[in-house]
Amino acid sequence: MIQTANDTAPVAYEAQVYVKDLDLKVWCGILENSPAVLSVGLLTTEEGYDFMWEINLSSYLQKDDKRIYCTSEMNVPTRAAVQ
C-alpha cells in the first residue's frame, strides 16, 4: 500500500525505470489510472538534487551544473512524461 493524494492504493507490481533527464534509475510502483509521478522530496533528500521555484519564474531541479526546468500546471511542477 502507498499513500496517494486521494487515499491509499495497493501496489501489486514495480518496475525499474530509467529517467533520461535525470540520468537516474528509479523503482516505480505501478498503479491503475494514475499518471507517472516522481517525488521531488526523494530527489532532493536521496539523490542530491536541489529544487528551486522562485516567484514568477520557472521551477527547476539542479545537481552540480545540470539544471532541469519544469513547467507548471495548476501550480504543480511537471515535465513531459513518456507515453
PDB file of N, CA and C in Angstrom:
ATOM      1  N   MET A   1       0.853  -1.189   0.000  1.00  0.00           N
ATOM      2  CA  MET A   1       0.000   0.000   0.000  1.00  0.00           C
ATOM      3  C   MET A   1       0.895   1.248   0.000  1.00  0.00           C
ATOM      4  N   ILE A   2       0.448   2.255  -0.764  1.00  0.00           N
ATOM      5  CA  ILE A   2       1.116   3.556  -0.729  1.00  0.00           C
ATOM      6  C   ILE A   2       0.070   4.640  -0.512  1.00  0.00           C
ATOM      7  N   GLN A   3       0.519   5.773  -0.019  1.00  0.00           N
ATOM      8  CA  GLN A   3      -0.360   6.919   0.191  1.00  0.00           C
ATOM      9  C   GLN A   3      -0.366   7.767  -1.072  1.00  0.00           C
ATOM     10  N   THR A   4      -1.550   8.034  -1.623  1.00  0.00           N
ATOM     11  CA  THR A   4      -1.685   8.921  -2.776  1.00  0.00           C
ATOM     12  C   THR A   4      -2.337  10.215  -2.312  1.00  0.00           C
ATOM     13  N   ALA A   5      -2.553  11.134  -3.228  1.00  0.00           N
ATOM     14  CA  ALA A   5      -3.208  12.393  -2.878  1.00  0.00           C
ATOM     15  C   ALA A   5      -4.643  12.168  -2.422  1.00  0.00           C
ATOM     16  N   ASN A   6      -5.280  11.104  -2.916  1.00  0.00           N
ATOM     17  CA  ASN A   6      -6.688  10.864  -2.609  1.00  0.00           C
ATOM     18  C   ASN A   6      -6.932   9.830  -1.517  1.00  0.00           C
ATOM     19  N   ASP A   7      -6.047   8.846  -1.392  1.00  0.00           N
ATOM     20  CA  ASP A   7      -6.293   7.735  -0.465  1.00  0.00           C
ATOM     21  C   ASP A   7      -5.064   6.832  -0.469  1.00  0.00           C
ATOM     22  N   THR A   8      -5.183   5.673   0.127  1.00  0.00           N
ATOM     23  CA  THR A   8      -4.142   4.670  -0.015  1.00  0.00           C
ATOM     24  C   THR A   8      -4.492   3.787  -1.213  1.00  0.00           C
ATOM     25  N   ALA A   9      -3.476   3.196  -1.822  1.00  0.00           N
ATOM     26  CA  ALA A   9      -3.704   2.359  -3.007  1.00  0.00           C
ATOM     27  C   ALA A   9      -2.757   1.163  -2.960  1.00  0.00           C
ATOM     28  N   PRO A  10      -3.249   0.007  -3.419  1.00  0.00           N
ATOM     29  CA  PRO A  10      -2.376  -1.170  -3.446  1.00  0.00           C
ATOM     30  C   PRO A  10      -1.410  -1.108  -4.632  1.00  0.00           C
ATOM     31  N   VAL A  11      -0.200  -1.568  -4.408  1.00  0.00           N
ATOM     32  CA  VAL A  11       0.796  -1.659  -5.472  1.00  0.00           C
ATOM     33  C   VAL A  11       1.149  -3.132  -5.632  1.00  0.00           C
ATOM     34  N   ALA A  12       0.699  -3.717  -6.727  1.00  0.00           N
ATOM     35  CA  ALA A  12       0.949  -5.134  -6.961  1.00  0.00           C
ATOM     36  C   ALA A  12       2.255  -5.361  -7.722  1.00  0.00           C
ATOM     37  N   TYR A  13       2.672  -4.372  -8.539  1.00  0.00           N
ATOM     38  CA  TYR A  13       3.858  -4.528  -9.379  1.00  0.00           C
ATOM     39  C   TYR A  13       4.751  -3.306  -9.278  1.00  0.00           C
ATOM     40  N   GLU A  14       6.039  -3.543  -9.477  1.00  0.00           N
ATOM     41  CA  GLU A  14       7.019  -2.472  -9.557  1.00  0.00           C
ATOM     42  C   GLU A  14       7.864  -2.682 -10.808  1.00  0.00           C
ATOM     43  N   ALA A  15       8.445  -1.588 -11.283  1.00  0.00           N
ATOM     44  CA  ALA A  15       9.348  -1.669 -12.422  1.00  0.00           C
ATOM     45  C   ALA A  15      10.478  -0.663 -12.221  1.00  0.00           C
ATOM     46  N   GLN A  16      11.664  -1.037 -12.654  1.00  0.00           N
ATOM     47  CA  GLN A  16      12.768  -0.092 -12.617  1.00  0.00           C
ATOM     48  C   GLN A  16      12.720   0.710 -13.914  1.00  0.00           C
ATOM     49  N   VAL A  17      12.741   2.039 -13.779  1.00  0.00           N
ATOM     50  CA  VAL A  17      12.585   2.937 -14.923  1.00  0.00           C
ATOM     51  C   VAL A  17      13.793   3.860 -14.990  1.00  0.00           C
ATOM     52  N   TYR A  18      14.310   4.043 -16.192  1.00  0.00           N
ATOM     53  CA  TYR A  18      15.400   4.987 -16.405  1.00  0.00           C
ATOM     54  C   TYR A  18      14.809   6.342 -16.761  1.00  0.00           C
ATOM     55  N   VAL A  19      15.164   7.383 -16.010  1.00  0.00           N
ATOM     56  CA  VAL A  19      14.694   8.752 -16.262  1.00  0.00           C
ATOM     57  C   VAL A  19      15.840   9.489 -16.950  1.00  0.00           C
ATOM     58  N   LYS A  20      15.697   9.641 -18.261  1.00  0.00           N
ATOM     59  CA  LYS A  20      16.775  10.193 -19.075  1.00  0.00           C
ATOM     60  C   LYS A  20      17.190  11.597 -18.632  1.00  0.00           C
ATOM     61  N   ASP A  21      16.218  12.477 -18.388  1.00  0.00           N
ATOM     62  CA  ASP A  21      16.539  13.856 -17.991  1.00  0.00           C
ATOM     63  C   ASP A  21      17.414  13.912 -16.745  1.00  0.00           C
ATOM     64  N   LEU A  22      17.228  12.951 -15.848  1.00  0.00           N
ATOM     65  CA  LEU A  22      17.972  12.936 -14.588  1.00  0.00           C
ATOM     66  C   LEU A  22      19.154  11.971 -14.615  1.00  0.00           C
ATOM     67  N   ASP A  23      19.270  11.176 -15.685  1.00  0.00           N
ATOM     68  CA  ASP A  23      20.283  10.128 -15.783  1.00  0.00           C
ATOM     69  C   ASP A  23      20.245   9.269 -14.515  1.00  0.00           C
ATOM     70  N   LEU A  24      19.046   8.735 -14.239  1.00  0.00           N
ATOM     71  CA  LEU A  24      18.795   8.067 -12.969  1.00  0.00           C
ATOM     72  C   LEU A  24      17.836   6.897 -13.163  1.00  0.00           C
ATOM     73  N   LYS A  25      18.126   5.775 -12.510  1.00  0.00           N
ATOM     74  CA  LYS A  25      17.196   4.646 -12.488  1.00  0.00           C
ATOM     75  C   LYS A  25      16.418   4.705 -11.180  1.00  0.00           C
ATOM     76  N   VAL A  26      15.100   4.550 -11.264  1.00  0.00           N
ATOM     77  CA  VAL A  26      14.240   4.579 -10.075  1.00  0.00           C
ATOM     78  C   VAL A  26      13.298   3.381 -10.099  1.00  0.00           C
ATOM     79  N   TRP A  27      12.926   2.904  -8.929  1.00  0.00           N
ATOM     80  CA  TRP A  27      11.905   1.869  -8.820  1.00  0.00           C
ATOM     81  C   TRP A  27      10.557   2.556  -8.682  1.00  0.00           C
ATOM     82  N   CYS A  28       9.594   2.144  -9.510  1.00  0.00           N
ATOM     83  CA  CYS A  28       8.275   2.772  -9.537  1.00  0.00           C
ATOM     84  C   CYS A  28       7.200   1.741  -9.250  1.00  0.00           C
ATOM     85  N   GLY A  29       6.222   2.147  -8.438  1.00  0.00           N
ATOM     86  CA  GLY A  29       5.035   1.332  -8.243  1.00  0.00           C
ATOM     87  C   GLY A  29       4.093   1.537  -9.415  1.00  0.00           C
ATOM     88  N   ILE A  30       3.472   0.458  -9.873  1.00  0.00           N
ATOM     89  CA  ILE A  30       2.540   0.525 -11.000  1.00  0.00           C
ATOM     90  C   ILE A  30       1.128   0.589 -10.440  1.00  0.00           C
ATOM     91  N   LEU A  31       0.417   1.670 -10.736  1.00  0.00           N
ATOM     92  CA  LEU A  31      -0.950   1.858 -10.262  1.00  0.00           C
ATOM     93  C   LEU A  31      -1.894   1.992 -11.452  1.00  0.00           C
ATOM     94  N   GLU A  32      -3.110   1.528 -11.285  1.00  0.00           N
ATOM     95  CA  GLU A  32      -4.121   1.707 -12.332  1.00  0.00           C
ATOM     96  C   GLU A  32      -4.574   3.161 -12.366  1.00  0.00           C
ATOM     97  N   ASN A  33      -4.826   3.666 -13.564  1.00  0.00           N
ATOM     98  CA  ASN A  33      -5.396   5.010 -13.759  1.00  0.00           C
ATOM     99  C   ASN A  33      -4.632   6.092 -13.018  1.00  0.00           C
ATOM    100  N   SER A  34      -3.321   6.058 -13.112  1.00  0.00           N
ATOM    101  CA  SER A  34      -2.505   7.047 -12.415  1.00  0.00           C
ATOM    102  C   SER A  34      -1.423   7.566 -13.360  1.00  0.00           C
ATOM    103  N   PRO A  35      -1.175   8.877 -13.329  1.00  0.00           N
ATOM    104  CA  PRO A  35      -0.084   9.406 -14.160  1.00  0.00           C
ATOM    105  C   PRO A  35       1.267   9.007 -13.576  1.00  0.00           C
ATOM    106  N   ALA A  36       2.302   9.077 -14.386  1.00  0.00           N
ATOM    107  CA  ALA A  36       3.661   8.828 -13.904  1.00  0.00           C
ATOM    108  C   ALA A  36       4.106  10.026 -13.077  1.00  0.00           C
ATOM    109  N   VAL A  37       4.521   9.780 -11.853  1.00  0.00           N
ATOM    110  CA  VAL A  37       4.986  10.856 -10.978  1.00  0.00           C
ATOM    111  C   VAL A  37       6.286  10.436 -10.306  1.00  0.00           C
ATOM    112  N   LEU A  38       7.058  11.429  -9.894  1.00  0.00           N
ATOM    113  CA  LEU A  38       8.316  11.195  -9.201  1.00  0.00           C
ATOM    114  C   LEU A  38       8.406  12.209  -8.071  1.00  0.00           C
ATOM    115  N   SER A  39       8.751  11.761  -6.889  1.00  0.00           N
ATOM    116  CA  SER A  39       8.783  12.609  -5.705  1.00  0.00           C
ATOM    117  C   SER A  39       9.948  13.596  -5.732  1.00  0.00           C
ATOM    118  N   VAL A  40       9.631  14.879  -5.694  1.00  0.00           N
ATOM    119  CA  VAL A  40      10.668  15.903  -5.588  1.00  0.00           C
ATOM    120  C   VAL A  40      11.388  15.766  -4.248  1.00  0.00           C
ATOM    121  N   GLY A  41      10.648  15.402  -3.211  1.00  0.00           N
ATOM    122  CA  GLY A  41      11.255  15.204  -1.894  1.00  0.00           C
ATOM    123  C   GLY A  41      12.326  14.132  -1.914  1.00  0.00           C
ATOM    124  N   LEU A  42      12.043  13.002  -2.568  1.00  0.00           N
ATOM    125  CA  LEU A  42      13.044  11.939  -2.654  1.00  0.00           C
ATOM    126  C   LEU A  42      14.230  12.342  -3.524  1.00  0.00           C
ATOM    127  N   LEU A  43      13.964  13.089  -4.596  1.00  0.00           N
ATOM    128  CA  LEU A  43      15.071  13.550  -5.436  1.00  0.00           C
ATOM    129  C   LEU A  43      16.011  14.461  -4.650  1.00  0.00           C
ATOM    130  N   THR A  44      15.469  15.275  -3.763  1.00  0.00           N
ATOM    131  CA  THR A  44      16.320  16.184  -3.002  1.00  0.00           C
ATOM    132  C   THR A  44      16.990  15.491  -1.822  1.00  0.00           C
ATOM    133  N   THR A  45      16.277  14.633  -1.107  1.00  0.00           N
ATOM    134  CA  THR A  45      16.863  14.012   0.087  1.00  0.00           C
ATOM    135  C   THR A  45      17.731  12.799  -0.209  1.00  0.00           C
ATOM    136  N   GLU A  46      17.420  12.066  -1.298  1.00  0.00           N
ATOM    137  CA  GLU A  46      18.164  10.830  -1.563  1.00  0.00           C
ATOM    138  C   GLU A  46      19.067  10.881  -2.793  1.00  0.00           C
ATOM    139  N   GLU A  47      18.798  11.780  -3.718  1.00  0.00           N
ATOM    140  CA  GLU A  47      19.574  11.799  -4.960  1.00  0.00           C
ATOM    141  C   GLU A  47      20.426  13.055  -5.131  1.00  0.00           C
ATOM    142  N   GLY A  48      20.390  13.967  -4.161  1.00  0.00           N
ATOM    143  CA  GLY A  48      21.280  15.120  -4.179  1.00  0.00           C
ATOM    144  C   GLY A  48      20.870  16.277  -5.073  1.00  0.00           C
ATOM    145  N   TYR A  49      19.603  16.316  -5.489  1.00  0.00           N
ATOM    146  CA  TYR A  49      19.115  17.431  -6.303  1.00  0.00           C
ATOM    147  C   TYR A  49      18.644  18.568  -5.416  1.00  0.00           C
ATOM    148  N   ASP A  50      18.775  19.783  -5.901  1.00  0.00           N
ATOM    149  CA  ASP A  50      18.128  20.949  -5.303  1.00  0.00           C
ATOM    150  C   ASP A  50      16.894  21.240  -6.140  1.00  0.00           C
ATOM    151  N   PHE A  51      15.839  21.724  -5.492  1.00  0.00           N
ATOM    152  CA  PHE A  51      14.640  22.138  -6.214  1.00  0.00           C
ATOM    153  C   PHE A  51      14.413  23.608  -5.926  1.00  0.00           C
ATOM    154  N   MET A  52      14.267  24.402  -6.985  1.00  0.00           N
ATOM    155  CA  MET A  52      14.075  25.844  -6.842  1.00  0.00           C
ATOM    156  C   MET A  52      12.795  26.264  -7.546  1.00  0.00           C
ATOM    157  N   TRP A  53      12.065  27.170  -6.901  1.00  0.00           N
ATOM    158  CA  TRP A  53      10.859  27.728  -7.504  1.00  0.00           C
ATOM    159  C   TRP A  53      10.697  29.132  -6.951  1.00  0.00           C
ATOM    160  N   GLU A  54      11.201  30.091  -7.693  1.00  0.00           N
ATOM    161  CA  GLU A  54      11.163  31.479  -7.256  1.00  0.00           C
ATOM    162  C   GLU A  54       9.932  32.177  -7.817  1.00  0.00           C
ATOM    163  N   ILE A  55       9.543  33.250  -7.190  1.00  0.00           N
ATOM    164  CA  ILE A  55       8.347  33.997  -7.582  1.00  0.00           C
ATOM    165  C   ILE A  55       8.428  34.382  -9.056  1.00  0.00           C
ATOM    166  N   ASN A  56       7.355  34.054  -9.800  1.00  0.00           N
ATOM    167  CA  ASN A  56       7.198  34.395 -11.214  1.00  0.00           C
ATOM    168  C   ASN A  56       8.272  33.819 -12.142  1.00  0.00           C
ATOM    169  N   LEU A  57       8.969  32.780 -11.713  1.00  0.00           N
ATOM    170  CA  LEU A  57       9.975  32.129 -12.546  1.00  0.00           C
ATOM    171  C   LEU A  57       9.652  30.641 -12.671  1.00  0.00           C
ATOM    172  N   SER A  58      10.226  29.984 -13.663  1.00  0.00           N
ATOM    173  CA  SER A  58      10.050  28.546 -13.819  1.00  0.00           C
ATOM    174  C   SER A  58      10.760  27.808 -12.696  1.00  0.00           C
ATOM    175  N   SER A  59      10.186  26.685 -12.279  1.00  0.00           N
ATOM    176  CA  SER A  59      10.841  25.847 -11.282  1.00  0.00           C
ATOM    177  C   SER A  59      11.849  24.951 -11.987  1.00  0.00           C
ATOM    178  N   TYR A  60      12.833  24.468 -11.221  1.00  0.00           N
ATOM    179  CA  TYR A  60      13.824  23.568 -11.805  1.00  0.00           C
ATOM    180  C   TYR A  60      14.477  22.703 -10.735  1.00  0.00           C
ATOM    181  N   LEU A  61      15.002  21.577 -11.201  1.00  0.00           N
ATOM    182  CA  LEU A  61      15.851  20.708 -10.396  1.00  0.00           C
ATOM    183  C   LEU A  61      17.285  20.987 -10.805  1.00  0.00           C
ATOM    184  N   GLN A  62      18.201  20.951  -9.832  1.00  0.00           N
ATOM    185  CA  GLN A  62      19.593  21.191 -10.169  1.00  0.00           C
ATOM    186  C   GLN A  62      20.482  20.241  -9.381  1.00  0.00           C
ATOM    187  N   LYS A  63      21.471  19.701 -10.086  1.00  0.00           N
ATOM    188  CA  LYS A  63      22.504  18.881  -9.454  1.00  0.00           C
ATOM    189  C   LYS A  63      23.803  19.203 -10.168  1.00  0.00           C
ATOM    190  N   ASP A  64      24.783  19.640  -9.407  1.00  0.00           N
ATOM    191  CA  ASP A  64      26.048  20.101  -9.972  1.00  0.00           C
ATOM    192  C   ASP A  64      25.746  21.214 -10.985  1.00  0.00           C
ATOM    193  N   ASP A  65      26.212  21.098 -12.217  1.00  0.00           N
ATOM    194  CA  ASP A  65      25.988  22.142 -13.224  1.00  0.00           C
ATOM    195  C   ASP A  65      24.774  21.870 -14.098  1.00  0.00           C
ATOM    196  N   LYS A  66      24.052  20.782 -13.838  1.00  0.00           N
ATOM    197  CA  LYS A  66      22.904  20.413 -14.668  1.00  0.00           C
ATOM    198  C   LYS A  66      21.621  21.000 -14.073  1.00  0.00           C
ATOM    199  N   ARG A  67      20.863  21.707 -14.902  1.00  0.00           N
ATOM    200  CA  ARG A  67      19.604  22.319 -14.480  1.00  0.00           C
ATOM    201  C   ARG A  67      18.480  21.794 -15.379  1.00  0.00           C
ATOM    202  N   ILE A  68      17.413  21.278 -14.763  1.00  0.00           N
ATOM    203  CA  ILE A  68      16.291  20.692 -15.486  1.00  0.00           C
ATOM    204  C   ILE A  68      15.052  21.510 -15.161  1.00  0.00           C
ATOM    205  N   TYR A  69      14.556  22.257 -16.154  1.00  0.00           N
ATOM    206  CA  TYR A  69      13.419  23.140 -15.946  1.00  0.00           C
ATOM    207  C   TYR A  69      12.102  22.373 -16.009  1.00  0.00           C
ATOM    208  N   CYS A  70      11.142  22.833 -15.233  1.00  0.00           N
ATOM    209  CA  CYS A  70       9.801  22.262 -15.200  1.00  0.00           C
ATOM    210  C   CYS A  70       8.803  23.308 -15.687  1.00  0.00           C
ATOM    211  N   THR A  71       7.665  22.847 -16.152  1.00  0.00           N
ATOM    212  CA  THR A  71       6.560  23.752 -16.414  1.00  0.00           C
ATOM    213  C   THR A  71       5.573  23.591 -15.268  1.00  0.00           C
ATOM    214  N   SER A  72       4.670  24.515 -15.123  1.00  0.00           N
ATOM    215  CA  SER A  72       3.705  24.454 -14.033  1.00  0.00           C
ATOM    216  C   SER A  72       2.303  24.277 -14.597  1.00  0.00           C
ATOM    217  N   GLU A  73       1.612  23.261 -14.119  1.00  0.00           N
ATOM    218  CA  GLU A  73       0.219  23.024 -14.476  1.00  0.00           C
ATOM    219  C   GLU A  73      -0.592  22.971 -13.191  1.00  0.00           C
ATOM    220  N   MET A  74      -1.494  23.934 -13.027  1.00  0.00           N
ATOM    221  CA  MET A  74      -2.302  24.042 -11.817  1.00  0.00           C
ATOM    222  C   MET A  74      -1.423  24.069 -10.555  1.00  0.00           C
ATOM    223  N   ASN A  75      -0.336  24.869 -10.614  1.00  0.00           N
ATOM    224  CA  ASN A  75       0.599  25.034  -9.516  1.00  0.00           C
ATOM    225  C   ASN A  75       1.343  23.757  -9.125  1.00  0.00           C
ATOM    226  N   VAL A  76       1.521  22.845 -10.095  1.00  0.00           N
ATOM    227  CA  VAL A  76       2.282  21.619  -9.882  1.00  0.00           C
ATOM    228  C   VAL A  76       3.401  21.579 -10.909  1.00  0.00           C
ATOM    229  N   PRO A  77       4.668  21.509 -10.463  1.00  0.00           N
ATOM    230  CA  PRO A  77       5.762  21.438 -11.422  1.00  0.00           C
ATOM    231  C   PRO A  77       5.712  20.103 -12.169  1.00  0.00           C
ATOM    232  N   THR A  78       5.870  20.164 -13.498  1.00  0.00           N
ATOM    233  CA  THR A  78       5.786  18.948 -14.307  1.00  0.00           C
ATOM    234  C   THR A  78       6.885  18.928 -15.355  1.00  0.00           C
ATOM    235  N   ARG A  79       7.148  17.736 -15.858  1.00  0.00           N
ATOM    236  CA  ARG A  79       7.993  17.502 -17.019  1.00  0.00           C
ATOM    237  C   ARG A  79       7.197  16.623 -17.965  1.00  0.00           C
ATOM    238  N   ALA A  80       7.557  16.624 -19.223  1.00  0.00           N
ATOM    239  CA  ALA A  80       6.870  15.760 -20.189  1.00  0.00           C
ATOM    240  C   ALA A  80       7.069  14.306 -19.790  1.00  0.00           C
ATOM    241  N   ALA A  81       6.001  13.538 -19.852  1.00  0.00           N
ATOM    242  CA  ALA A  81       6.072  12.126 -19.484  1.00  0.00           C
ATOM    243  C   ALA A  81       6.240  11.265 -20.730  1.00  0.00           C
ATOM    244  N   VAL A  82       6.846  10.134 -20.545  1.00  0.00           N
ATOM    245  CA  VAL A  82       6.980   9.160 -21.633  1.00  0.00           C
ATOM    246  C   VAL A  82       5.642   8.491 -21.828  1.00  0.00           C
ATOM    247  N   GLN A  83       5.214   8.368 -23.059  1.00  0.00           N
ATOM    248  CA  GLN A  83       3.910   7.742 -23.362  1.00  0.00           C
ATOM    249  C   GLN A  83       4.088   6.271 -23.639  1.00  0.00           C
TER     250      GLN A  83
END
